[in-house]
Amino acid sequence: MEDMAAIAARLAELREADTGRSVFGSSTHGHTTGGPVDPALLARVEELAGVRLPEHYRAFLTTVGDGGAGPYYGITPLADALAWITDGWGAEVLGADSPLTGDVDFTELLDGPEDWEEHAALLESDPEYEAGFERLKEEYLGEPWCNGRLPIAEYGCGDWYFLVLRGPRRGSLWVDCVVGGSGMYCLEVDFGTWYSRWLDDTLDRVGRDDFAPENAVYSVLRHGDNPRYRVVPPQED
């Protein structure tokens, strides 16, 4: 498991290095986290889930802080994560196993083209292809795909990172891109690994004063081990 004391120290280093708050999201959270999670809230979530939260995430909440500094829009406070689940599907879904085992890619399920431009053109020109995506979105926005998981960070444009609490992939980090029409993907790492890699990468970018957007395929999978993620080399003139 990642050393949470080391993570807290590197987070303090980032706070000192990025005084101009150039890192995305830092203008809101200021590279700070909330205090340790409320023990009563933690106990409530674990009671609803029927399991202890995955250790790496639990250690972060209890030692580094409950919400705040983190990838993209930052780590979602536990109370907000619980409210998201409760308002969307009801708290009882936390106590059911997630059926997820591997990536759910809508384009693959519909035998669509790998090329993004061809895919986009089909969505515009083929009503049946478009309807297929709408059916998949409706299916994967509900049960059982919402079961046994907790949102932990917002990527943007409707995409969210979540941690599986129950089921065959317990402890793994995923990104939900259903609203955007892509699917659901496993980063193939746990919370601690993902957060630590983001922290190291962000410290490096601040040191180089490099905040240019990354050109990558499946950029939402950055800082994970899913082979779908690929950096696109710059084209030569």
Protein backbone atom coordinates (compact mmCIF):
# COMPACT_ATOMS: atom_id res chain seq x y z
CA MET A 1 0.00 0.00 0.00
CA GLU A 2 1.17 3.53 -0.77
CA ASP A 3 2.79 5.40 2.15
CA MET A 4 0.20 8.02 3.10
CA ALA A 5 2.73 10.05 5.08
CA ALA A 6 4.84 10.31 1.93
CA ILE A 7 1.79 11.31 -0.10
CA ALA A 8 0.95 14.05 2.42
CA ALA A 9 4.55 15.31 2.27
CA ARG A 10 4.57 15.41 -1.53
CA LEU A 11 1.22 17.16 -1.51
CA ALA A 12 2.70 19.84 0.75
CA GLU A 13 5.61 20.11 -1.69
CA LEU A 14 3.16 20.65 -4.54
CA ARG A 15 1.33 23.31 -2.56
CA GLU A 16 4.59 25.22 -2.13
CA ALA A 17 5.72 24.72 -5.73
CA ASP A 18 2.49 25.75 -7.46
CA THR A 19 1.89 29.08 -5.75
CA GLY A 20 0.24 30.44 -8.90
CA ARG A 21 -2.27 27.57 -8.82
CA SER A 22 -1.57 26.65 -12.44
CA VAL A 23 -2.55 23.00 -12.03
CA PHE A 24 -6.09 22.28 -13.22
CA GLY A 25 -8.53 22.31 -10.31
CA SER A 26 -6.11 23.88 -7.85
CA SER A 27 -7.82 27.27 -7.98
CA THR A 28 -10.69 25.56 -6.17
CA HIS A 29 -8.95 23.26 -3.69
CA GLY A 30 -5.62 25.08 -3.39
CA HIS A 31 -3.76 21.75 -3.17
CA THR A 32 -5.29 21.23 0.27
CA THR A 33 -7.48 18.46 1.61
CA GLY A 34 -10.23 18.41 4.18
CA GLY A 35 -9.54 17.19 7.67
CA PRO A 36 -9.66 13.48 8.49
CA VAL A 37 -12.98 11.91 7.62
CA ASP A 38 -15.72 11.97 10.25
CA PRO A 39 -15.57 8.51 11.90
CA ALA A 40 -19.37 8.38 12.11
CA LEU A 41 -19.69 9.05 8.38
CA LEU A 42 -17.06 6.44 7.57
CA ALA A 43 -18.86 3.90 9.75
CA ARG A 44 -22.17 4.74 8.05
CA VAL A 45 -20.78 4.21 4.55
CA GLU A 46 -19.14 0.93 5.55
CA GLU A 47 -22.37 -0.21 7.17
CA LEU A 48 -24.29 0.51 3.98
CA ALA A 49 -21.67 -1.22 1.86
CA GLY A 50 -21.44 -4.18 4.22
CA VAL A 51 -17.65 -4.13 3.82
CA ARG A 52 -14.68 -2.09 4.94
CA LEU A 53 -13.60 0.49 2.37
CA PRO A 54 -10.52 -0.57 0.36
CA GLU A 55 -7.50 0.07 2.57
CA HIS A 56 -5.61 2.49 0.33
CA TYR A 57 -8.64 4.76 -0.01
CA ARG A 58 -9.60 4.39 3.64
CA ALA A 59 -6.08 5.33 4.74
CA PHE A 60 -6.21 8.44 2.55
CA LEU A 61 -9.51 9.55 4.08
CA THR A 62 -8.35 9.00 7.65
CA THR A 63 -4.81 10.39 7.38
CA VAL A 64 -4.36 12.67 4.35
CA GLY A 65 -7.87 14.12 4.32
CA ASP A 66 -11.47 13.78 3.23
CA GLY A 67 -11.71 15.33 -0.22
CA GLY A 68 -9.82 18.17 -1.86
CA ALA A 69 -6.53 18.09 -3.75
CA GLY A 70 -6.33 15.42 -6.41
CA PRO A 71 -6.61 14.67 -10.12
CA TYR A 72 -8.82 16.87 -12.30
CA TYR A 73 -11.54 18.46 -10.11
CA GLY A 74 -10.09 16.90 -6.97
CA ILE A 75 -11.13 14.12 -4.63
CA THR A 76 -14.83 14.08 -3.80
CA PRO A 77 -15.61 14.36 -0.05
CA LEU A 78 -17.13 11.17 1.29
CA ALA A 79 -20.41 12.88 2.25
CA ASP A 80 -20.81 14.17 -1.31
CA ALA A 81 -20.02 10.73 -2.73
CA LEU A 82 -22.67 9.15 -0.53
CA ALA A 83 -25.19 11.83 -1.52
CA TRP A 84 -24.44 11.19 -5.20
CA ILE A 85 -25.23 7.49 -4.78
CA THR A 86 -28.27 8.08 -2.57
CA ASP A 87 -29.82 10.69 -4.85
CA GLY A 88 -29.11 8.73 -8.02
CA TRP A 89 -30.02 5.16 -7.13
CA GLY A 90 -30.60 4.83 -3.39
CA ALA A 91 -28.03 4.00 -0.72
CA GLU A 92 -28.90 0.30 -0.85
CA VAL A 93 -26.94 -0.17 -4.10
CA LEU A 94 -23.73 0.23 -2.08
CA GLY A 95 -24.43 -3.13 -0.47
CA ALA A 96 -24.82 -5.03 -3.75
CA ASP A 97 -21.92 -6.52 -5.71
CA SER A 98 -20.69 -4.76 -8.82
CA PRO A 99 -20.85 -7.09 -11.84
CA LEU A 100 -17.95 -5.34 -13.56
CA THR A 101 -15.06 -7.57 -14.61
CA GLY A 102 -13.57 -5.78 -17.62
CA ASP A 103 -13.92 -2.70 -19.80
CA VAL A 104 -17.33 -1.90 -21.28
CA ASP A 105 -16.69 -0.11 -24.57
CA PHE A 106 -19.83 0.94 -26.41
CA THR A 107 -18.14 1.17 -29.80
CA GLU A 108 -16.88 -2.40 -29.48
CA LEU A 109 -20.30 -3.66 -28.34
CA LEU A 110 -21.85 -2.16 -31.48
CA ASP A 111 -19.01 -3.32 -33.77
CA GLY A 112 -18.24 0.30 -34.58
CA PRO A 113 -15.07 1.58 -36.26
CA GLU A 114 -11.90 2.10 -34.21
CA ASP A 115 -11.19 5.41 -35.91
CA TRP A 116 -12.82 8.24 -33.95
CA GLU A 117 -13.67 10.35 -37.02
CA GLU A 118 -15.39 7.40 -38.68
CA HIS A 119 -17.29 6.70 -35.46
CA ALA A 120 -18.41 10.34 -35.18
CA ALA A 121 -19.52 10.34 -38.81
CA LEU A 122 -21.60 7.20 -38.24
CA LEU A 123 -23.31 8.80 -35.25
CA GLU A 124 -24.32 11.68 -37.50
CA SER A 125 -25.40 9.62 -40.51
CA ASP A 126 -26.71 6.29 -39.18
CA PRO A 127 -29.85 6.52 -36.99
CA GLU A 128 -29.60 2.84 -35.98
CA TYR A 129 -26.00 3.27 -34.82
CA GLU A 130 -26.95 6.36 -32.83
CA ALA A 131 -29.95 4.56 -31.32
CA GLY A 132 -27.67 1.72 -30.25
CA PHE A 133 -25.55 4.13 -28.25
CA GLU A 134 -28.61 5.62 -26.61
CA ARG A 135 -29.81 2.15 -25.60
CA LEU A 136 -26.44 1.31 -24.07
CA LYS A 137 -26.33 4.60 -22.19
CA GLU A 138 -29.76 3.96 -20.70
CA GLU A 139 -28.81 0.39 -19.74
CA TYR A 140 -25.49 1.21 -18.10
CA LEU A 141 -26.75 4.23 -16.19
CA GLY A 142 -28.87 1.96 -13.99
CA GLU A 143 -28.68 -1.24 -11.99
CA PRO A 144 -26.76 -3.46 -11.70
CA TRP A 145 -23.94 -1.30 -13.08
CA CYS A 146 -24.29 1.28 -10.30
CA ASN A 147 -23.95 -1.38 -7.60
CA GLY A 148 -21.11 -1.64 -5.11
CA ARG A 149 -19.16 1.44 -6.17
CA LEU A 150 -18.34 4.89 -4.85
CA PRO A 151 -17.53 8.02 -6.90
CA ILE A 152 -14.21 9.55 -5.88
CA ALA A 153 -13.33 12.24 -8.44
CA GLU A 154 -14.90 14.15 -11.32
CA TYR A 155 -13.03 14.16 -14.63
CA GLY A 156 -15.44 16.54 -16.35
CA CYS A 157 -18.10 16.43 -19.10
CA GLY A 158 -20.09 13.86 -17.13
CA ASP A 159 -17.18 11.44 -16.61
CA TRP A 160 -16.41 10.23 -13.07
CA TYR A 161 -13.81 8.04 -11.42
CA PHE A 162 -15.16 5.45 -9.04
CA LEU A 163 -13.84 2.78 -6.71
CA VAL A 164 -15.35 -0.70 -6.67
CA LEU A 165 -16.26 -1.69 -3.11
CA ARG A 166 -17.86 -5.05 -3.77
CA GLY A 167 -17.64 -7.74 -6.42
CA PRO A 168 -14.87 -9.45 -8.40
CA ARG A 169 -12.95 -6.20 -9.03
CA ARG A 170 -13.11 -4.89 -5.45
CA GLY A 171 -10.46 -2.24 -4.82
CA SER A 172 -9.93 -1.33 -8.48
CA LEU A 173 -10.34 2.17 -9.88
CA TRP A 174 -12.62 2.79 -12.86
CA VAL A 175 -13.86 5.70 -14.93
CA ASP A 176 -17.53 6.03 -15.85
CA CYS A 177 -17.89 7.61 -19.31
CA VAL A 178 -21.46 6.43 -19.88
CA VAL A 179 -23.02 9.91 -20.03
CA GLY A 180 -20.47 10.88 -22.67
CA GLY A 181 -21.35 7.77 -24.65
CA SER A 182 -18.10 5.80 -24.38
CA GLY A 183 -18.58 3.19 -21.64
CA MET A 184 -16.77 2.18 -18.45
CA TYR A 185 -13.08 1.44 -18.15
CA CYS A 186 -10.83 -0.04 -15.48
CA LEU A 187 -7.55 1.77 -14.84
CA GLU A 188 -6.12 -1.53 -13.52
CA VAL A 189 -4.68 0.16 -10.42
CA ASP A 190 -5.87 0.94 -6.92
CA PHE A 191 -6.59 4.39 -5.53
CA GLY A 192 -3.20 4.81 -3.87
CA THR A 193 -1.24 4.00 -7.02
CA TRP A 194 -3.38 6.30 -9.15
CA TYR A 195 -3.13 9.21 -6.71
CA SER A 196 0.61 8.77 -6.19
CA ARG A 197 1.29 8.68 -9.92
CA TRP A 198 -0.81 11.81 -10.44
CA LEU A 199 1.13 13.55 -7.68
CA ASP A 200 4.54 12.62 -9.12
CA ASP A 201 3.46 13.62 -12.63
CA THR A 202 2.03 16.93 -11.43
CA LEU A 203 5.15 17.80 -9.43
CA ASP A 204 7.23 17.08 -12.53
CA ARG A 205 5.03 19.26 -14.74
CA VAL A 206 5.09 22.12 -12.25
CA GLY A 207 8.89 21.84 -12.13
CA ARG A 208 9.05 22.10 -15.92
CA ASP A 209 6.30 24.74 -16.08
CA ASP A 210 4.54 22.51 -18.60
CA PHE A 211 0.76 22.57 -18.49
CA ALA A 212 0.03 21.83 -22.15
CA PRO A 213 -2.90 19.44 -22.68
CA GLU A 214 -1.80 15.89 -23.35
CA ASN A 215 -2.59 14.36 -26.73
CA ALA A 216 -3.55 10.79 -25.92
CA VAL A 217 -6.03 8.09 -26.79
CA TYR A 218 -8.32 7.34 -23.83
CA SER A 219 -6.76 10.20 -21.86
CA VAL A 220 -9.13 9.48 -18.94
CA LEU A 221 -6.98 6.39 -18.25
CA ARG A 222 -3.84 8.38 -17.54
CA HIS A 223 -1.95 7.29 -14.39
CA GLY A 224 -3.35 3.78 -14.71
CA ASP A 225 -2.18 0.56 -16.38
CA ASN A 226 -4.95 0.05 -18.93
CA PRO A 227 -3.29 -0.54 -22.35
CA ARG A 228 -6.03 1.44 -24.11
CA TYR A 229 -4.25 4.60 -22.95
CA ARG A 230 -1.69 5.71 -25.53
CA VAL A 231 0.16 8.97 -25.96
CA VAL A 232 -0.06 10.20 -29.56
CA PRO A 233 3.40 11.29 -30.77
CA PRO A 234 3.55 14.80 -32.25
CA GLN A 235 3.46 14.83 -36.03
CA GLU A 236 6.57 15.99 -37.81
CA ASP A 237 6.26 18.96 -40.13
